[in-house]
Amino acid sequence: MVSVQYRVKFAKDDEAVLGPDGADLVLSCNSQDAFTDPTVTYMQGRLKVVGSSGALFGLLANGEVATTLRSLASRS
């Protein structure tokens, strides 16, 4: 199983983070892009990814990325 860290940036020093430091896959975007289809934002270069693109595509396919990013951007 791949460990994932999600990061949603609101402002320069304001960021919501979910997941362990040193994760296999780190996904980051700004708060406005968190409500857009993550596949689209990835292809447009607005969803930044560090790690395996194969692991990313698996997460995109099952909807986990969209759900988690939206949750973090909502600050729930």
N, C-alpha and C. Protein backbone atom coordinates (compact mmCIF):
# COMPACT_ATOMS: atom_id res chain seq x y z
N MET A 1 0.84 -1.19 0.00
CA MET A 1 0.00 0.00 0.00
C MET A 1 0.88 1.25 0.00
N VAL A 2 0.47 2.24 -0.73
CA VAL A 2 1.21 3.48 -0.88
C VAL A 2 0.74 4.48 0.17
N SER A 3 1.69 5.11 0.86
CA SER A 3 1.30 6.17 1.80
C SER A 3 1.19 7.48 1.03
N VAL A 4 0.19 8.30 1.41
CA VAL A 4 -0.11 9.53 0.68
C VAL A 4 -0.22 10.69 1.65
N GLN A 5 0.35 11.82 1.25
CA GLN A 5 0.17 13.06 1.99
C GLN A 5 -0.51 14.05 1.05
N TYR A 6 -1.58 14.66 1.54
CA TYR A 6 -2.33 15.67 0.78
C TYR A 6 -2.04 17.04 1.38
N ARG A 7 -1.86 18.04 0.52
CA ARG A 7 -1.60 19.42 0.97
C ARG A 7 -2.47 20.37 0.17
N VAL A 8 -3.25 21.19 0.88
CA VAL A 8 -4.08 22.21 0.24
C VAL A 8 -3.66 23.56 0.79
N LYS A 9 -3.23 24.42 -0.11
CA LYS A 9 -2.70 25.73 0.29
C LYS A 9 -3.79 26.80 0.18
N PHE A 10 -3.94 27.58 1.26
CA PHE A 10 -4.90 28.68 1.30
C PHE A 10 -4.21 30.02 1.09
N ALA A 11 -3.04 30.18 1.69
CA ALA A 11 -2.25 31.40 1.60
C ALA A 11 -0.79 31.03 1.84
N LYS A 12 0.09 32.01 1.82
CA LYS A 12 1.52 31.74 1.92
C LYS A 12 1.88 30.83 3.09
N ASP A 13 1.42 31.13 4.27
CA ASP A 13 1.76 30.32 5.45
C ASP A 13 0.54 29.61 6.01
N ASP A 14 -0.43 29.32 5.17
CA ASP A 14 -1.68 28.69 5.61
C ASP A 14 -1.95 27.49 4.71
N GLU A 15 -1.76 26.30 5.27
CA GLU A 15 -1.87 25.08 4.48
C GLU A 15 -2.49 23.98 5.34
N ALA A 16 -3.43 23.22 4.76
CA ALA A 16 -4.00 22.06 5.44
C ALA A 16 -3.26 20.83 4.93
N VAL A 17 -2.85 19.97 5.86
CA VAL A 17 -2.07 18.78 5.50
C VAL A 17 -2.72 17.56 6.13
N LEU A 18 -2.81 16.49 5.34
CA LEU A 18 -3.31 15.22 5.84
C LEU A 18 -2.39 14.13 5.32
N GLY A 19 -1.86 13.34 6.22
CA GLY A 19 -1.00 12.23 5.84
C GLY A 19 0.37 12.37 6.46
N PRO A 20 1.14 11.29 6.42
CA PRO A 20 2.44 11.26 7.10
C PRO A 20 3.54 12.01 6.34
N ASP A 21 4.47 12.58 7.11
CA ASP A 21 5.69 13.12 6.50
C ASP A 21 6.46 11.94 5.90
N GLY A 22 7.12 12.17 4.80
CA GLY A 22 7.89 11.10 4.16
C GLY A 22 7.02 10.12 3.41
N ALA A 23 5.81 10.53 3.04
CA ALA A 23 4.89 9.64 2.31
C ALA A 23 5.46 9.30 0.93
N ASP A 24 5.01 8.17 0.40
CA ASP A 24 5.44 7.73 -0.94
C ASP A 24 4.94 8.68 -2.03
N LEU A 25 3.79 9.28 -1.79
CA LEU A 25 3.15 10.15 -2.77
C LEU A 25 2.68 11.41 -2.05
N VAL A 26 3.07 12.57 -2.57
CA VAL A 26 2.65 13.85 -1.99
C VAL A 26 1.92 14.63 -3.07
N LEU A 27 0.65 15.01 -2.77
CA LEU A 27 -0.17 15.76 -3.71
C LEU A 27 -0.45 17.12 -3.11
N SER A 28 -0.30 18.17 -3.91
CA SER A 28 -0.56 19.52 -3.40
C SER A 28 -1.23 20.38 -4.47
N CYS A 29 -2.12 21.25 -3.99
CA CYS A 29 -2.80 22.20 -4.87
C CYS A 29 -3.27 23.38 -4.02
N ASN A 30 -3.75 24.42 -4.69
CA ASN A 30 -4.31 25.53 -3.92
C ASN A 30 -5.78 25.23 -3.63
N SER A 31 -6.35 25.98 -2.72
CA SER A 31 -7.70 25.67 -2.24
C SER A 31 -8.77 25.78 -3.34
N GLN A 32 -8.62 26.70 -4.29
CA GLN A 32 -9.60 26.82 -5.36
C GLN A 32 -9.59 25.59 -6.27
N ASP A 33 -8.40 25.06 -6.56
CA ASP A 33 -8.29 23.90 -7.44
C ASP A 33 -8.77 22.61 -6.79
N ALA A 34 -8.91 22.59 -5.48
CA ALA A 34 -9.35 21.39 -4.77
C ALA A 34 -10.79 21.01 -5.13
N PHE A 35 -11.55 21.96 -5.65
CA PHE A 35 -12.95 21.70 -5.99
C PHE A 35 -13.14 21.37 -7.48
N THR A 36 -12.05 21.29 -8.21
CA THR A 36 -12.06 20.93 -9.62
C THR A 36 -11.65 19.47 -9.75
N ASP A 37 -12.05 18.82 -10.82
CA ASP A 37 -11.67 17.43 -11.06
C ASP A 37 -10.14 17.31 -10.99
N PRO A 38 -9.62 16.48 -10.07
CA PRO A 38 -8.17 16.40 -9.90
C PRO A 38 -7.43 15.85 -11.13
N THR A 39 -8.10 15.09 -11.96
CA THR A 39 -7.46 14.61 -13.19
C THR A 39 -7.17 15.80 -14.10
N VAL A 40 -8.12 16.71 -14.18
CA VAL A 40 -7.96 17.90 -15.01
C VAL A 40 -6.86 18.79 -14.43
N THR A 41 -6.90 19.04 -13.13
CA THR A 41 -5.89 19.92 -12.53
C THR A 41 -4.50 19.31 -12.64
N TYR A 42 -4.39 17.99 -12.58
CA TYR A 42 -3.09 17.33 -12.76
C TYR A 42 -2.59 17.55 -14.19
N MET A 43 -3.46 17.34 -15.17
CA MET A 43 -3.06 17.50 -16.56
C MET A 43 -2.72 18.95 -16.90
N GLN A 44 -3.32 19.90 -16.17
CA GLN A 44 -3.03 21.32 -16.39
C GLN A 44 -1.84 21.79 -15.55
N GLY A 45 -1.28 20.92 -14.74
CA GLY A 45 -0.11 21.27 -13.94
C GLY A 45 -0.44 22.02 -12.66
N ARG A 46 -1.71 22.06 -12.28
CA ARG A 46 -2.09 22.78 -11.06
C ARG A 46 -2.17 21.85 -9.85
N LEU A 47 -2.23 20.54 -10.06
CA LEU A 47 -2.11 19.56 -8.98
C LEU A 47 -0.69 19.02 -9.07
N LYS A 48 0.12 19.36 -8.09
CA LYS A 48 1.53 18.95 -8.07
C LYS A 48 1.64 17.59 -7.39
N VAL A 49 2.47 16.73 -7.95
CA VAL A 49 2.63 15.38 -7.42
C VAL A 49 4.10 15.04 -7.32
N VAL A 50 4.49 14.52 -6.16
CA VAL A 50 5.83 13.99 -5.97
C VAL A 50 5.66 12.51 -5.66
N GLY A 51 6.24 11.67 -6.51
CA GLY A 51 6.12 10.22 -6.33
C GLY A 51 5.66 9.55 -7.60
N SER A 52 5.21 8.32 -7.47
CA SER A 52 4.84 7.47 -8.59
C SER A 52 3.55 7.93 -9.28
N SER A 53 3.64 8.18 -10.57
CA SER A 53 2.42 8.56 -11.31
C SER A 53 1.48 7.36 -11.42
N GLY A 54 2.00 6.16 -11.42
CA GLY A 54 1.15 4.96 -11.44
C GLY A 54 0.27 4.89 -10.21
N ALA A 55 0.85 5.17 -9.04
CA ALA A 55 0.07 5.19 -7.80
C ALA A 55 -0.97 6.31 -7.84
N LEU A 56 -0.59 7.45 -8.39
CA LEU A 56 -1.53 8.58 -8.52
C LEU A 56 -2.73 8.18 -9.36
N PHE A 57 -2.50 7.54 -10.50
CA PHE A 57 -3.60 7.18 -11.39
C PHE A 57 -4.57 6.20 -10.72
N GLY A 58 -4.05 5.32 -9.88
CA GLY A 58 -4.93 4.42 -9.13
C GLY A 58 -5.82 5.18 -8.17
N LEU A 59 -5.26 6.17 -7.49
CA LEU A 59 -6.04 6.98 -6.55
C LEU A 59 -7.05 7.87 -7.27
N LEU A 60 -6.66 8.39 -8.43
CA LEU A 60 -7.59 9.21 -9.22
C LEU A 60 -8.77 8.36 -9.68
N ALA A 61 -8.51 7.13 -10.06
CA ALA A 61 -9.56 6.25 -10.57
C ALA A 61 -10.60 5.90 -9.51
N ASN A 62 -10.17 5.74 -8.26
CA ASN A 62 -11.14 5.35 -7.23
C ASN A 62 -11.80 6.53 -6.53
N GLY A 63 -11.45 7.76 -6.89
CA GLY A 63 -12.11 8.94 -6.36
C GLY A 63 -11.55 9.46 -5.05
N GLU A 64 -10.54 8.79 -4.51
CA GLU A 64 -9.99 9.18 -3.21
C GLU A 64 -9.38 10.58 -3.23
N VAL A 65 -8.69 10.93 -4.29
CA VAL A 65 -8.03 12.23 -4.37
C VAL A 65 -9.05 13.36 -4.33
N ALA A 66 -10.09 13.27 -5.14
CA ALA A 66 -11.10 14.33 -5.18
C ALA A 66 -11.77 14.50 -3.83
N THR A 67 -12.16 13.41 -3.21
CA THR A 67 -12.83 13.48 -1.91
C THR A 67 -11.94 14.09 -0.83
N THR A 68 -10.71 13.67 -0.77
CA THR A 68 -9.79 14.16 0.26
C THR A 68 -9.43 15.62 0.06
N LEU A 69 -9.13 16.02 -1.17
CA LEU A 69 -8.79 17.42 -1.42
C LEU A 69 -9.96 18.34 -1.10
N ARG A 70 -11.16 17.95 -1.48
CA ARG A 70 -12.33 18.78 -1.19
C ARG A 70 -12.56 18.90 0.31
N SER A 71 -12.36 17.81 1.01
CA SER A 71 -12.53 17.83 2.47
C SER A 71 -11.54 18.76 3.13
N LEU A 72 -10.27 18.69 2.72
CA LEU A 72 -9.25 19.58 3.28
C LEU A 72 -9.53 21.04 2.92
N ALA A 73 -9.97 21.30 1.72
CA ALA A 73 -10.24 22.67 1.29
C ALA A 73 -11.45 23.26 2.01
N SER A 74 -12.33 22.39 2.49
CA SER A 74 -13.51 22.84 3.24
C SER A 74 -13.17 23.07 4.70
N ARG A 75 -11.97 22.69 5.10
CA ARG A 75 -11.51 22.80 6.49
C ARG A 75 -12.46 22.15 7.47
N SER A 76 -12.93 20.97 7.08
CA SER A 76 -13.84 20.25 7.98
C SER A 76 -13.10 19.40 8.98
